[in-house]
Amino acid sequence: MSEQSQTQTPVFSHPLEEEFARILDYYGIRWEYEPHTFPLEWNELGQVAVAFSPDFYLPDQDLYIELTTLRPKLIRHKNRKLRRMAELYPNINVKLFNRKDLRDMMVKYGVDHHAEPIMGTDAQE
């Protein structure tokens, strides 16, 4: 159950994030939406130039979840952030769910209508 739901419903960036939150709620998994931002790069003045805010945090599992519907060719930027995250914060666990993972999860949990828009072609897998 969302820790935020007790105070306010988060505004999700993508409908799939909302569906993911519903699945977590259904199974009684506590979650937080974008609770932390991790600096990844700084400019010459020491100001944060690049940061990463994983979509969800599951406190009972001490796990961050990042969802992406980007096609594999476009995911390079996000993968770079995840690698940098691992370098700077090796004790922080982040799991990336890609297009295929999300489609499979949506079908498995009966929200096929949200899987259709991200089906893509075999070439996009």
C-alpha atoms as a PDB file:
ATOM      1  CA  MET A   1       0.000   0.000   0.000  1.00  0.00           C
ATOM      2  CA  SER A   2       1.288   3.366  -0.871  1.00  0.00           C
ATOM      3  CA  GLU A   3       2.653   5.336   2.000  1.00  0.00           C
ATOM      4  CA  GLN A   4       1.640   8.405   0.000  1.00  0.00           C
ATOM      5  CA  SER A   5      -1.962   7.236  -0.390  1.00  0.00           C
ATOM      6  CA  GLN A   6      -2.526   8.052   3.262  1.00  0.00           C
ATOM      7  CA  THR A   7      -1.816  11.697   2.536  1.00  0.00           C
ATOM      8  CA  GLN A   8      -2.230  12.240  -1.208  1.00  0.00           C
ATOM      9  CA  THR A   9      -2.441  10.271  -4.428  1.00  0.00           C
ATOM     10  CA  PRO A  10       0.697  10.758  -6.532  1.00  0.00           C
ATOM     11  CA  VAL A  11       0.501  12.147 -10.036  1.00  0.00           C
ATOM     12  CA  PHE A  12       2.014   9.431 -12.198  1.00  0.00           C
ATOM     13  CA  SER A  13       4.091  10.293 -15.253  1.00  0.00           C
ATOM     14  CA  HIS A  14       2.699   7.365 -17.273  1.00  0.00           C
ATOM     15  CA  PRO A  15      -0.498   5.268 -17.083  1.00  0.00           C
ATOM     16  CA  LEU A  16       1.608   2.122 -16.689  1.00  0.00           C
ATOM     17  CA  GLU A  17       3.032   3.475 -13.460  1.00  0.00           C
ATOM     18  CA  GLU A  18      -0.501   3.815 -12.133  1.00  0.00           C
ATOM     19  CA  GLU A  19      -1.294   0.212 -13.163  1.00  0.00           C
ATOM     20  CA  PHE A  20       1.918  -0.993 -11.536  1.00  0.00           C
ATOM     21  CA  ALA A  21       0.901   0.800  -8.317  1.00  0.00           C
ATOM     22  CA  ARG A  22      -2.507  -0.901  -8.458  1.00  0.00           C
ATOM     23  CA  ILE A  23      -0.853  -4.312  -8.761  1.00  0.00           C
ATOM     24  CA  LEU A  24       1.397  -3.537  -5.805  1.00  0.00           C
ATOM     25  CA  ASP A  25      -1.629  -2.401  -3.793  1.00  0.00           C
ATOM     26  CA  TYR A  26      -3.572  -5.526  -4.734  1.00  0.00           C
ATOM     27  CA  TYR A  27      -0.796  -7.720  -3.358  1.00  0.00           C
ATOM     28  CA  GLY A  28      -0.330  -5.574  -0.260  1.00  0.00           C
ATOM     29  CA  ILE A  29       3.162  -4.451  -1.214  1.00  0.00           C
ATOM     30  CA  ARG A  30       4.105  -1.124   0.359  1.00  0.00           C
ATOM     31  CA  TRP A  31       5.486   1.383  -2.124  1.00  0.00           C
ATOM     32  CA  GLU A  32       6.525   4.991  -2.515  1.00  0.00           C
ATOM     33  CA  TYR A  33       6.441   6.907  -5.791  1.00  0.00           C
ATOM     34  CA  GLU A  34       9.678   8.658  -6.784  1.00  0.00           C
ATOM     35  CA  PRO A  35      10.701   9.274  -3.167  1.00  0.00           C
ATOM     36  CA  HIS A  36      14.409   9.867  -3.794  1.00  0.00           C
ATOM     37  CA  THR A  37      16.563  11.583  -6.366  1.00  0.00           C
ATOM     38  CA  PHE A  38      20.168  10.470  -6.702  1.00  0.00           C
ATOM     39  CA  PRO A  39      22.741  12.933  -8.087  1.00  0.00           C
ATOM     40  CA  LEU A  40      24.824  11.297 -10.825  1.00  0.00           C
ATOM     41  CA  GLU A  41      26.898  14.110 -12.321  1.00  0.00           C
ATOM     42  CA  TRP A  42      27.927  17.579 -11.220  1.00  0.00           C
ATOM     43  CA  ASN A  43      29.004  20.656 -13.175  1.00  0.00           C
ATOM     44  CA  GLU A  44      32.160  22.675 -12.551  1.00  0.00           C
ATOM     45  CA  LEU A  45      30.357  24.672  -9.839  1.00  0.00           C
ATOM     46  CA  GLY A  46      29.487  21.510  -7.958  1.00  0.00           C
ATOM     47  CA  GLN A  47      25.798  21.736  -8.854  1.00  0.00           C
ATOM     48  CA  VAL A  48      23.910  18.594  -9.803  1.00  0.00           C
ATOM     49  CA  ALA A  49      23.828  18.340 -13.595  1.00  0.00           C
ATOM     50  CA  VAL A  50      22.332  14.846 -13.965  1.00  0.00           C
ATOM     51  CA  ALA A  51      20.144  13.010 -11.484  1.00  0.00           C
ATOM     52  CA  PHE A  52      18.031   9.871 -11.376  1.00  0.00           C
ATOM     53  CA  SER A  53      14.683   9.358  -9.619  1.00  0.00           C
ATOM     54  CA  PRO A  54      13.577   5.721  -9.801  1.00  0.00           C
ATOM     55  CA  ASP A  55       9.812   5.370 -10.255  1.00  0.00           C
ATOM     56  CA  PHE A  56       9.062   3.291  -7.171  1.00  0.00           C
ATOM     57  CA  TYR A  57      10.644   2.305  -3.892  1.00  0.00           C
ATOM     58  CA  LEU A  58       9.513  -0.879  -2.127  1.00  0.00           C
ATOM     59  CA  PRO A  59      10.631  -0.299   1.488  1.00  0.00           C
ATOM     60  CA  ASP A  60      10.010  -3.852   2.703  1.00  0.00           C
ATOM     61  CA  GLN A  61      12.260  -5.194  -0.060  1.00  0.00           C
ATOM     62  CA  ASP A  62      14.683  -2.227   0.030  1.00  0.00           C
ATOM     63  CA  LEU A  63      14.312  -2.142  -3.750  1.00  0.00           C
ATOM     64  CA  TYR A  64      13.870   0.642  -6.291  1.00  0.00           C
ATOM     65  CA  ILE A  65      11.903  -0.072  -9.456  1.00  0.00           C
ATOM     66  CA  GLU A  66      12.358   1.812 -12.709  1.00  0.00           C
ATOM     67  CA  LEU A  67       9.784   1.255 -15.468  1.00  0.00           C
ATOM     68  CA  THR A  68      10.503   2.027 -19.086  1.00  0.00           C
ATOM     69  CA  THR A  69       8.488   1.664 -22.264  1.00  0.00           C
ATOM     70  CA  LEU A  70      11.333   2.924 -24.433  1.00  0.00           C
ATOM     71  CA  ARG A  71      12.383   0.788 -27.351  1.00  0.00           C
ATOM     72  CA  PRO A  72      15.774  -0.925 -26.882  1.00  0.00           C
ATOM     73  CA  LYS A  73      17.510   1.496 -29.256  1.00  0.00           C
ATOM     74  CA  LEU A  74      16.329   4.444 -27.165  1.00  0.00           C
ATOM     75  CA  ILE A  75      17.068   2.984 -23.748  1.00  0.00           C
ATOM     76  CA  ARG A  76      20.815   3.683 -23.924  1.00  0.00           C
ATOM     77  CA  HIS A  77      20.486   6.908 -21.916  1.00  0.00           C
ATOM     78  CA  LYS A  78      18.545   5.210 -19.119  1.00  0.00           C
ATOM     79  CA  ASN A  79      21.001   2.291 -19.009  1.00  0.00           C
ATOM     80  CA  ARG A  80      23.863   4.785 -18.694  1.00  0.00           C
ATOM     81  CA  LYS A  81      22.130   6.320 -15.666  1.00  0.00           C
ATOM     82  CA  LEU A  82      21.643   2.878 -14.116  1.00  0.00           C
ATOM     83  CA  ARG A  83      25.335   2.030 -14.598  1.00  0.00           C
ATOM     84  CA  ARG A  84      26.359   5.354 -13.045  1.00  0.00           C
ATOM     85  CA  MET A  85      23.927   4.708 -10.202  1.00  0.00           C
ATOM     86  CA  ALA A  86      25.607   1.349  -9.522  1.00  0.00           C
ATOM     87  CA  GLU A  87      29.044   3.018  -9.515  1.00  0.00           C
ATOM     88  CA  LEU A  88      28.106   5.807  -7.106  1.00  0.00           C
ATOM     89  CA  TYR A  89      25.591   3.957  -4.922  1.00  0.00           C
ATOM     90  CA  PRO A  90      26.597   0.268  -4.931  1.00  0.00           C
ATOM     91  CA  ASN A  91      24.362  -0.538  -1.930  1.00  0.00           C
ATOM     92  CA  ILE A  92      21.201   0.770  -3.626  1.00  0.00           C
ATOM     93  CA  ASN A  93      19.217  -1.944  -5.419  1.00  0.00           C
ATOM     94  CA  VAL A  94      17.447  -0.894  -8.616  1.00  0.00           C
ATOM     95  CA  LYS A  95      15.475  -3.237 -10.882  1.00  0.00           C
ATOM     96  CA  LEU A  96      14.609  -2.101 -14.411  1.00  0.00           C
ATOM     97  CA  PHE A  97      11.414  -3.361 -16.027  1.00  0.00           C
ATOM     98  CA  ASN A  98      11.634  -2.883 -19.806  1.00  0.00           C
ATOM     99  CA  ARG A  99       8.894  -2.961 -22.486  1.00  0.00           C
ATOM    100  CA  LYS A 100       8.754  -6.746 -22.653  1.00  0.00           C
ATOM    101  CA  ASP A 101       8.750  -7.145 -18.862  1.00  0.00           C
ATOM    102  CA  LEU A 102       5.908  -4.630 -18.592  1.00  0.00           C
ATOM    103  CA  ARG A 103       3.871  -6.227 -21.386  1.00  0.00           C
ATOM    104  CA  ASP A 104       4.273  -9.663 -19.820  1.00  0.00           C
ATOM    105  CA  MET A 105       3.291  -8.324 -16.399  1.00  0.00           C
ATOM    106  CA  MET A 106       0.228  -6.489 -17.751  1.00  0.00           C
ATOM    107  CA  VAL A 107      -0.979  -9.644 -19.520  1.00  0.00           C
ATOM    108  CA  LYS A 108      -0.281 -11.836 -16.478  1.00  0.00           C
ATOM    109  CA  TYR A 109      -2.211  -9.574 -14.132  1.00  0.00           C
ATOM    110  CA  GLY A 110      -5.158  -9.039 -16.463  1.00  0.00           C
ATOM    111  CA  VAL A 111      -4.601  -5.487 -17.596  1.00  0.00           C
ATOM    112  CA  ASP A 112      -4.112  -6.449 -21.241  1.00  0.00           C
ATOM    113  CA  HIS A 113      -5.692  -3.183 -22.408  1.00  0.00           C
ATOM    114  CA  HIS A 114      -2.596  -1.355 -21.127  1.00  0.00           C
ATOM    115  CA  ALA A 115      -0.256  -3.908 -22.718  1.00  0.00           C
ATOM    116  CA  GLU A 116      -1.541  -3.254 -26.249  1.00  0.00           C
ATOM    117  CA  PRO A 117      -0.057   0.242 -26.660  1.00  0.00           C
ATOM    118  CA  ILE A 118       3.431  -1.033 -25.808  1.00  0.00           C
ATOM    119  CA  MET A 119       3.264  -4.291 -27.784  1.00  0.00           C
ATOM    120  CA  GLY A 120       5.405  -3.004 -30.648  1.00  0.00           C
ATOM    121  CA  THR A 121       6.869  -5.319 -33.220  1.00  0.00           C
ATOM    122  CA  ASP A 122       9.241  -8.233 -32.845  1.00  0.00           C
ATOM    123  CA  ALA A 123      11.975  -5.994 -34.191  1.00  0.00           C
ATOM    124  CA  GLN A 124      11.490  -3.704 -31.195  1.00  0.00           C
ATOM    125  CA  GLU A 125      12.015  -6.484 -28.648  1.00  0.00           C
END
